[in-house]
């Protein structure tokens, strides 16, 4: 399956949904001054909601043991006993989270399946392969593509980073687009003033609210109100700030 890396779209393309995949997850699309990312949904998402990535598999995200590999190799073999479905991490990320080569990140092309077994082979999607040799001391983590099976942002149960706003209703298990930068319609909690920074709400799912500098949990700005103040429970024009 071959997909373009970026798309120059037309107004209305952001509202297209499908039950089959048309682009790589996370593919960027530009329509005029607005930016979008292609996603799949893990639940039904209605229009104008802020969404987040789904929860990952904690046991796969840190401190996985590996077999030794040489610089330039395009595969990493996991040496611990694991259960991982085939290509679960396709288009996701392999990171070195601790010991020696920590900090490196690679895009995943594919992975083999294992069931309570060692030997899962992760193929990275970089033609030059590993930047350095790795030893059995390395510890790695695997992350699914963040735009896979997204959920409405839930401030009382945050699973992942905020990713963007739905542009149309998207059925569970379907594909569509999220606005990540530029002006978009967003569900508002409270009455944030014109031009003021807004954050993901910690009480109204999928909403944004005024930044409260005294609340550390509300420190990440996701956008700014447009030219008029928001109205609680209604949709307002905001400038998205997630790219």
C-alpha atoms as a PDB file:
ATOM      1  CA  UNK A   1       0.000   0.000   0.000  1.00  0.00           C
ATOM      2  CA  UNK A   2       1.585   3.256  -1.149  1.00  0.00           C
ATOM      3  CA  UNK A   3       0.532   6.655   0.185  1.00  0.00           C
ATOM      4  CA  UNK A   4       1.741  10.224  -0.465  1.00  0.00           C
ATOM      5  CA  UNK A   5       3.630  11.793   2.440  1.00  0.00           C
ATOM      6  CA  UNK A   6       1.794  15.131   2.240  1.00  0.00           C
ATOM      7  CA  UNK A   7      -1.406  16.334   0.589  1.00  0.00           C
ATOM      8  CA  UNK A   8      -2.399  19.744  -0.739  1.00  0.00           C
ATOM      9  CA  UNK A   9      -6.150  19.608  -0.277  1.00  0.00           C
ATOM     10  CA  UNK A  10      -9.256  21.573  -1.182  1.00  0.00           C
ATOM     11  CA  UNK A  11     -11.969  22.943   1.110  1.00  0.00           C
ATOM     12  CA  UNK A  12     -14.260  20.066   2.042  1.00  0.00           C
ATOM     13  CA  UNK A  13     -11.633  17.347   1.896  1.00  0.00           C
ATOM     14  CA  UNK A  14     -11.270  17.683   5.673  1.00  0.00           C
ATOM     15  CA  UNK A  15     -14.854  16.391   6.004  1.00  0.00           C
ATOM     16  CA  UNK A  16     -14.260  13.185   4.057  1.00  0.00           C
ATOM     17  CA  UNK A  17     -14.499   9.948   6.056  1.00  0.00           C
ATOM     18  CA  UNK A  18     -14.280   6.296   5.083  1.00  0.00           C
ATOM     19  CA  UNK A  19     -14.356   2.801   6.554  1.00  0.00           C
ATOM     20  CA  UNK A  20     -11.205   1.840   4.635  1.00  0.00           C
ATOM     21  CA  UNK A  21      -7.788   3.457   4.968  1.00  0.00           C
ATOM     22  CA  UNK A  22      -6.895   5.949   2.225  1.00  0.00           C
ATOM     23  CA  UNK A  23      -3.635   7.449   3.577  1.00  0.00           C
ATOM     24  CA  UNK A  24      -0.970   6.679   6.131  1.00  0.00           C
ATOM     25  CA  UNK A  25      -2.075   7.574   9.629  1.00  0.00           C
ATOM     26  CA  UNK A  26      -0.695  10.969  10.561  1.00  0.00           C
ATOM     27  CA  UNK A  27      -0.408  12.118   6.948  1.00  0.00           C
ATOM     28  CA  UNK A  28      -0.476  15.933   6.905  1.00  0.00           C
ATOM     29  CA  UNK A  29      -2.845  17.840   4.640  1.00  0.00           C
ATOM     30  CA  UNK A  30      -2.843  21.583   4.024  1.00  0.00           C
ATOM     31  CA  UNK A  31      -5.941  23.458   2.914  1.00  0.00           C
ATOM     32  CA  UNK A  32      -5.104  27.132   2.567  1.00  0.00           C
ATOM     33  CA  UNK A  33      -3.971  28.412   5.972  1.00  0.00           C
ATOM     34  CA  UNK A  34      -5.234  25.306   7.830  1.00  0.00           C
ATOM     35  CA  UNK A  35      -3.392  22.053   8.617  1.00  0.00           C
ATOM     36  CA  UNK A  36      -4.838  18.585   9.197  1.00  0.00           C
ATOM     37  CA  UNK A  37      -3.714  15.058  10.133  1.00  0.00           C
ATOM     38  CA  UNK A  38      -5.244  11.771   8.969  1.00  0.00           C
ATOM     39  CA  UNK A  39      -6.511   9.511  11.754  1.00  0.00           C
ATOM     40  CA  UNK A  40      -8.573   6.481  12.627  1.00  0.00           C
ATOM     41  CA  UNK A  41     -11.059   6.419  15.495  1.00  0.00           C
ATOM     42  CA  UNK A  42     -11.337   4.054  18.434  1.00  0.00           C
ATOM     43  CA  UNK A  43     -14.787   5.403  19.319  1.00  0.00           C
ATOM     44  CA  UNK A  44     -17.428   7.607  17.708  1.00  0.00           C
ATOM     45  CA  UNK A  45     -16.222  11.225  17.582  1.00  0.00           C
ATOM     46  CA  UNK A  46     -18.617  14.079  16.864  1.00  0.00           C
ATOM     47  CA  UNK A  47     -17.632  17.270  15.067  1.00  0.00           C
ATOM     48  CA  UNK A  48     -15.632  19.970  16.853  1.00  0.00           C
ATOM     49  CA  UNK A  49     -14.246  17.758  19.630  1.00  0.00           C
ATOM     50  CA  UNK A  50     -10.644  17.796  20.790  1.00  0.00           C
ATOM     51  CA  UNK A  51      -9.234  14.269  20.566  1.00  0.00           C
ATOM     52  CA  UNK A  52      -6.268  12.457  22.071  1.00  0.00           C
ATOM     53  CA  UNK A  53      -4.344   9.326  21.214  1.00  0.00           C
ATOM     54  CA  UNK A  54      -5.393   6.029  22.737  1.00  0.00           C
ATOM     55  CA  UNK A  55      -3.704   4.391  25.700  1.00  0.00           C
ATOM     56  CA  UNK A  56      -0.669   2.297  24.796  1.00  0.00           C
ATOM     57  CA  UNK A  57       0.455  -1.069  26.107  1.00  0.00           C
ATOM     58  CA  UNK A  58       2.494  -0.066  29.152  1.00  0.00           C
ATOM     59  CA  UNK A  59       4.500  -3.297  29.164  1.00  0.00           C
ATOM     60  CA  UNK A  60       5.772  -2.535  25.648  1.00  0.00           C
ATOM     61  CA  UNK A  61       6.720   1.109  26.102  1.00  0.00           C
ATOM     62  CA  UNK A  62       9.825   0.938  28.277  1.00  0.00           C
ATOM     63  CA  UNK A  63      12.750  -1.298  29.193  1.00  0.00           C
ATOM     64  CA  UNK A  64      12.339  -4.028  26.550  1.00  0.00           C
ATOM     65  CA  UNK A  65      15.465  -6.143  26.127  1.00  0.00           C
ATOM     66  CA  UNK A  66      17.033  -6.585  22.684  1.00  0.00           C
ATOM     67  CA  UNK A  67      19.562  -8.738  20.873  1.00  0.00           C
ATOM     68  CA  UNK A  68      22.730  -7.116  19.565  1.00  0.00           C
ATOM     69  CA  UNK A  69      22.594  -5.403  16.147  1.00  0.00           C
ATOM     70  CA  UNK A  70      25.145  -3.587  14.011  1.00  0.00           C
ATOM     71  CA  UNK A  71      25.068  -0.012  12.825  1.00  0.00           C
ATOM     72  CA  UNK A  72      23.172   0.068   9.522  1.00  0.00           C
ATOM     73  CA  UNK A  73      20.926  -2.880  10.379  1.00  0.00           C
ATOM     74  CA  UNK A  74      17.262  -2.276   9.657  1.00  0.00           C
ATOM     75  CA  UNK A  75      15.901  -4.739  12.216  1.00  0.00           C
ATOM     76  CA  UNK A  76      15.864  -4.924  15.999  1.00  0.00           C
ATOM     77  CA  UNK A  77      15.014  -8.238  17.676  1.00  0.00           C
ATOM     78  CA  UNK A  78      13.325  -8.197  21.073  1.00  0.00           C
ATOM     79  CA  UNK A  79      14.782 -10.835  23.389  1.00  0.00           C
ATOM     80  CA  UNK A  80      12.140 -10.833  26.131  1.00  0.00           C
ATOM     81  CA  UNK A  81       9.045 -13.023  26.185  1.00  0.00           C
ATOM     82  CA  UNK A  82       6.153 -10.937  24.818  1.00  0.00           C
ATOM     83  CA  UNK A  83       2.791 -11.153  23.092  1.00  0.00           C
ATOM     84  CA  UNK A  84       2.582  -8.762  20.142  1.00  0.00           C
ATOM     85  CA  UNK A  85       0.264  -8.964  17.135  1.00  0.00           C
ATOM     86  CA  UNK A  86       1.727  -8.784  13.636  1.00  0.00           C
ATOM     87  CA  UNK A  87       2.302  -5.158  12.550  1.00  0.00           C
ATOM     88  CA  UNK A  88       0.746  -3.768  15.717  1.00  0.00           C
ATOM     89  CA  UNK A  89       3.456  -1.092  15.668  1.00  0.00           C
ATOM     90  CA  UNK A  90       3.497  -0.429  11.914  1.00  0.00           C
ATOM     91  CA  UNK A  91       3.979   3.323  11.326  1.00  0.00           C
ATOM     92  CA  UNK A  92       4.595   3.758  15.039  1.00  0.00           C
ATOM     93  CA  UNK A  93       7.860   4.375  16.874  1.00  0.00           C
ATOM     94  CA  UNK A  94      10.750   2.470  18.392  1.00  0.00           C
ATOM     95  CA  UNK A  95      12.647   4.495  20.971  1.00  0.00           C
ATOM     96  CA  UNK A  96      15.735   3.730  23.010  1.00  0.00           C
ATOM     97  CA  UNK A  97      14.531   4.758  26.440  1.00  0.00           C
ATOM     98  CA  UNK A  98      17.547   3.849  28.610  1.00  0.00           C
ATOM     99  CA  UNK A  99      21.195   2.752  28.604  1.00  0.00           C
ATOM    100  CA  UNK A 100      23.904   3.825  26.124  1.00  0.00           C
ATOM    101  CA  UNK A 101      21.982   4.743  22.952  1.00  0.00           C
ATOM    102  CA  UNK A 102      19.044   6.251  24.833  1.00  0.00           C
ATOM    103  CA  UNK A 103      17.216   9.053  23.063  1.00  0.00           C
ATOM    104  CA  UNK A 104      17.248   7.576  19.545  1.00  0.00           C
ATOM    105  CA  UNK A 105      13.884   7.227  17.779  1.00  0.00           C
ATOM    106  CA  UNK A 106      13.053   5.225  14.642  1.00  0.00           C
ATOM    107  CA  UNK A 107       9.900   4.899  12.563  1.00  0.00           C
ATOM    108  CA  UNK A 108       8.591   1.310  12.492  1.00  0.00           C
ATOM    109  CA  UNK A 109       7.918  -0.299   9.124  1.00  0.00           C
ATOM    110  CA  UNK A 110       6.643  -3.647  10.431  1.00  0.00           C
ATOM    111  CA  UNK A 111       6.897  -6.175  13.232  1.00  0.00           C
ATOM    112  CA  UNK A 112       6.495  -9.930  13.423  1.00  0.00           C
ATOM    113  CA  UNK A 113       3.982 -11.634  15.706  1.00  0.00           C
ATOM    114  CA  UNK A 114       4.922 -13.415  18.936  1.00  0.00           C
ATOM    115  CA  UNK A 115       2.736 -15.101  21.541  1.00  0.00           C
ATOM    116  CA  UNK A 116       4.336 -15.435  24.974  1.00  0.00           C
ATOM    117  CA  UNK A 117       7.618 -15.825  23.169  1.00  0.00           C
ATOM    118  CA  UNK A 118      10.919 -14.135  22.416  1.00  0.00           C
ATOM    119  CA  UNK A 119      12.133 -13.043  18.996  1.00  0.00           C
ATOM    120  CA  UNK A 120       9.758 -10.315  17.820  1.00  0.00           C
ATOM    121  CA  UNK A 121      11.553  -8.660  14.894  1.00  0.00           C
ATOM    122  CA  UNK A 122      10.945  -4.943  14.461  1.00  0.00           C
ATOM    123  CA  UNK A 123      11.873  -3.540  11.046  1.00  0.00           C
ATOM    124  CA  UNK A 124      12.601   0.182  11.006  1.00  0.00           C
ATOM    125  CA  UNK A 125      11.566   2.408   8.119  1.00  0.00           C
ATOM    126  CA  UNK A 126      14.929   4.086   7.566  1.00  0.00           C
ATOM    127  CA  UNK A 127      17.073   3.072   4.601  1.00  0.00           C
ATOM    128  CA  UNK A 128      20.322   3.885   6.431  1.00  0.00           C
ATOM    129  CA  UNK A 129      19.348   1.613   9.301  1.00  0.00           C
ATOM    130  CA  UNK A 130      20.468   2.019  12.895  1.00  0.00           C
ATOM    131  CA  UNK A 131      22.658   5.039  13.534  1.00  0.00           C
ATOM    132  CA  UNK A 132      24.871   3.059  15.913  1.00  0.00           C
ATOM    133  CA  UNK A 133      25.472  -0.537  16.934  1.00  0.00           C
ATOM    134  CA  UNK A 134      23.372  -1.764  19.842  1.00  0.00           C
ATOM    135  CA  UNK A 135      24.180  -4.304  22.521  1.00  0.00           C
ATOM    136  CA  UNK A 136      22.148  -6.490  24.838  1.00  0.00           C
ATOM    137  CA  UNK A 137      22.395  -3.699  27.423  1.00  0.00           C
ATOM    138  CA  UNK A 138      20.019  -1.497  25.417  1.00  0.00           C
ATOM    139  CA  UNK A 139      16.449  -0.922  26.574  1.00  0.00           C
ATOM    140  CA  UNK A 140      13.766   0.071  24.102  1.00  0.00           C
ATOM    141  CA  UNK A 141      10.068   0.893  23.918  1.00  0.00           C
ATOM    142  CA  UNK A 142       7.409   0.489  21.225  1.00  0.00           C
ATOM    143  CA  UNK A 143       4.612   2.967  20.538  1.00  0.00           C
ATOM    144  CA  UNK A 144       1.699   2.627  18.144  1.00  0.00           C
ATOM    145  CA  UNK A 145       1.033   5.398  15.644  1.00  0.00           C
ATOM    146  CA  UNK A 146      -0.494   8.190  17.766  1.00  0.00           C
ATOM    147  CA  UNK A 147      -3.207   8.865  15.152  1.00  0.00           C
ATOM    148  CA  UNK A 148      -4.487   5.273  15.372  1.00  0.00           C
ATOM    149  CA  UNK A 149      -7.814   4.698  17.157  1.00  0.00           C
ATOM    150  CA  UNK A 150      -8.046   8.209  18.605  1.00  0.00           C
ATOM    151  CA  UNK A 151     -10.491   9.056  21.401  1.00  0.00           C
ATOM    152  CA  UNK A 152     -12.350  12.146  22.588  1.00  0.00           C
ATOM    153  CA  UNK A 153     -10.093  13.993  25.030  1.00  0.00           C
ATOM    154  CA  UNK A 154     -11.116  13.075  28.586  1.00  0.00           C
ATOM    155  CA  UNK A 155      -9.587  15.357  31.206  1.00  0.00           C
ATOM    156  CA  UNK A 156     -10.350  12.900  34.009  1.00  0.00           C
ATOM    157  CA  UNK A 157      -8.713   9.976  32.174  1.00  0.00           C
ATOM    158  CA  UNK A 158      -5.949  11.280  29.933  1.00  0.00           C
ATOM    159  CA  UNK A 159      -4.386   8.516  27.837  1.00  0.00           C
ATOM    160  CA  UNK A 160      -2.184  10.429  25.400  1.00  0.00           C
ATOM    161  CA  UNK A 161      -1.349  13.837  23.957  1.00  0.00           C
ATOM    162  CA  UNK A 162      -4.055  16.079  22.431  1.00  0.00           C
ATOM    163  CA  UNK A 163      -3.939  15.654  18.641  1.00  0.00           C
ATOM    164  CA  UNK A 164      -6.489  17.943  17.003  1.00  0.00           C
ATOM    165  CA  UNK A 165     -10.173  18.675  16.399  1.00  0.00           C
ATOM    166  CA  UNK A 166     -12.648  16.579  14.444  1.00  0.00           C
ATOM    167  CA  UNK A 167     -13.979  18.351  11.342  1.00  0.00           C
ATOM    168  CA  UNK A 168     -17.085  16.194  10.939  1.00  0.00           C
ATOM    169  CA  UNK A 169     -18.701  13.266  12.762  1.00  0.00           C
ATOM    170  CA  UNK A 170     -16.451  10.197  12.437  1.00  0.00           C
ATOM    171  CA  UNK A 171     -17.891   6.768  13.256  1.00  0.00           C
ATOM    172  CA  UNK A 172     -15.980   4.387  15.493  1.00  0.00           C
ATOM    173  CA  UNK A 173     -13.406   2.393  13.520  1.00  0.00           C
ATOM    174  CA  UNK A 174     -13.474   4.830  10.602  1.00  0.00           C
ATOM    175  CA  UNK A 175     -10.941   7.226   9.078  1.00  0.00           C
ATOM    176  CA  UNK A 176     -11.011  11.007   8.802  1.00  0.00           C
ATOM    177  CA  UNK A 177      -9.160  14.248   9.451  1.00  0.00           C
ATOM    178  CA  UNK A 178      -8.220  16.330  12.487  1.00  0.00           C
ATOM    179  CA  UNK A 179      -7.493  20.054  12.326  1.00  0.00           C
ATOM    180  CA  UNK A 180      -4.145  20.688  14.010  1.00  0.00           C
ATOM    181  CA  UNK A 181      -3.269  24.264  13.038  1.00  0.00           C
ATOM    182  CA  UNK A 182      -5.167  27.287  11.791  1.00  0.00           C
ATOM    183  CA  UNK A 183      -8.746  28.251  12.571  1.00  0.00           C
ATOM    184  CA  UNK A 184     -11.310  25.612  13.475  1.00  0.00           C
ATOM    185  CA  UNK A 185     -14.593  25.165  15.322  1.00  0.00           C
ATOM    186  CA  UNK A 186     -14.198  23.839  18.870  1.00  0.00           C
ATOM    187  CA  UNK A 187     -16.470  22.971  21.773  1.00  0.00           C
ATOM    188  CA  UNK A 188     -16.001  25.547  24.548  1.00  0.00           C
ATOM    189  CA  UNK A 189     -16.230  25.233  28.322  1.00  0.00           C
ATOM    190  CA  UNK A 190     -16.580  28.473  30.264  1.00  0.00           C
ATOM    191  CA  UNK A 191     -16.197  31.881  28.659  1.00  0.00           C
ATOM    192  CA  UNK A 192     -12.593  32.364  27.493  1.00  0.00           C
ATOM    193  CA  UNK A 193     -12.057  35.900  26.229  1.00  0.00           C
ATOM    194  CA  UNK A 194     -11.202  36.868  22.683  1.00  0.00           C
ATOM    195  CA  UNK A 195      -7.626  36.020  21.748  1.00  0.00           C
ATOM    196  CA  UNK A 196      -6.837  34.308  25.048  1.00  0.00           C
ATOM    197  CA  UNK A 197      -5.018  30.959  25.285  1.00  0.00           C
ATOM    198  CA  UNK A 198      -7.127  27.828  25.763  1.00  0.00           C
ATOM    199  CA  UNK A 199      -6.231  24.379  27.084  1.00  0.00           C
ATOM    200  CA  UNK A 200      -7.828  20.948  27.082  1.00  0.00           C
ATOM    201  CA  UNK A 201     -10.692  20.965  29.561  1.00  0.00           C
ATOM    202  CA  UNK A 202     -10.232  18.803  32.644  1.00  0.00           C
ATOM    203  CA  UNK A 203     -13.971  18.429  33.208  1.00  0.00           C
ATOM    204  CA  UNK A 204     -15.913  18.595  29.910  1.00  0.00           C
ATOM    205  CA  UNK A 205     -14.838  15.890  27.457  1.00  0.00           C
ATOM    206  CA  UNK A 206     -13.605  17.167  24.096  1.00  0.00           C
ATOM    207  CA  UNK A 207     -13.800  20.820  25.174  1.00  0.00           C
ATOM    208  CA  UNK A 208     -11.294  23.615  25.599  1.00  0.00           C
ATOM    209  CA  UNK A 209     -11.297  26.145  28.427  1.00  0.00           C
ATOM    210  CA  UNK A 210      -9.386  29.219  29.539  1.00  0.00           C
ATOM    211  CA  UNK A 211      -5.817  28.664  30.717  1.00  0.00           C
ATOM    212  CA  UNK A 212      -5.630  28.664  34.520  1.00  0.00           C
ATOM    213  CA  UNK A 213      -2.040  29.522  35.406  1.00  0.00           C
ATOM    214  CA  UNK A 214      -2.606  28.301  38.965  1.00  0.00           C
ATOM    215  CA  UNK A 215      -3.494  24.796  37.804  1.00  0.00           C
ATOM    216  CA  UNK A 216      -0.423  22.838  36.719  1.00  0.00           C
ATOM    217  CA  UNK A 217      -2.590  20.281  34.944  1.00  0.00           C
ATOM    218  CA  UNK A 218      -3.781  23.023  32.588  1.00  0.00           C
ATOM    219  CA  UNK A 219      -0.388  24.259  31.499  1.00  0.00           C
ATOM    220  CA  UNK A 220      -0.376  23.093  27.865  1.00  0.00           C
ATOM    221  CA  UNK A 221      -1.902  25.590  25.448  1.00  0.00           C
ATOM    222  CA  UNK A 222      -3.702  23.894  22.552  1.00  0.00           C
ATOM    223  CA  UNK A 223      -5.010  27.054  20.873  1.00  0.00           C
ATOM    224  CA  UNK A 224      -6.330  30.589  21.183  1.00  0.00           C
ATOM    225  CA  UNK A 225      -9.853  32.001  21.098  1.00  0.00           C
ATOM    226  CA  UNK A 226     -10.808  33.900  17.966  1.00  0.00           C
ATOM    227  CA  UNK A 227     -12.243  37.444  17.800  1.00  0.00           C
ATOM    228  CA  UNK A 228     -15.090  36.947  20.304  1.00  0.00           C
ATOM    229  CA  UNK A 229     -15.357  35.329  23.719  1.00  0.00           C
ATOM    230  CA  UNK A 230     -16.392  31.706  23.961  1.00  0.00           C
ATOM    231  CA  UNK A 231     -19.837  30.679  25.211  1.00  0.00           C
ATOM    232  CA  UNK A 232     -20.082  27.775  27.632  1.00  0.00           C
ATOM    233  CA  UNK A 233     -21.358  24.594  25.968  1.00  0.00           C
ATOM    234  CA  UNK A 234     -21.342  26.113  22.484  1.00  0.00           C
ATOM    235  CA  UNK A 235     -18.852  25.977  19.626  1.00  0.00           C
ATOM    236  CA  UNK A 236     -16.521  28.852  18.917  1.00  0.00           C
ATOM    237  CA  UNK A 237     -13.809  29.799  16.448  1.00  0.00           C
ATOM    238  CA  UNK A 238     -10.324  29.101  17.790  1.00  0.00           C
ATOM    239  CA  UNK A 239      -6.840  29.128  16.325  1.00  0.00           C
ATOM    240  CA  UNK A 240      -5.499  25.597  16.736  1.00  0.00           C
ATOM    241  CA  UNK A 241      -1.920  25.365  17.969  1.00  0.00           C
ATOM    242  CA  UNK A 242      -0.958  21.667  17.661  1.00  0.00           C
ATOM    243  CA  UNK A 243       1.536  21.756  14.781  1.00  0.00           C
END
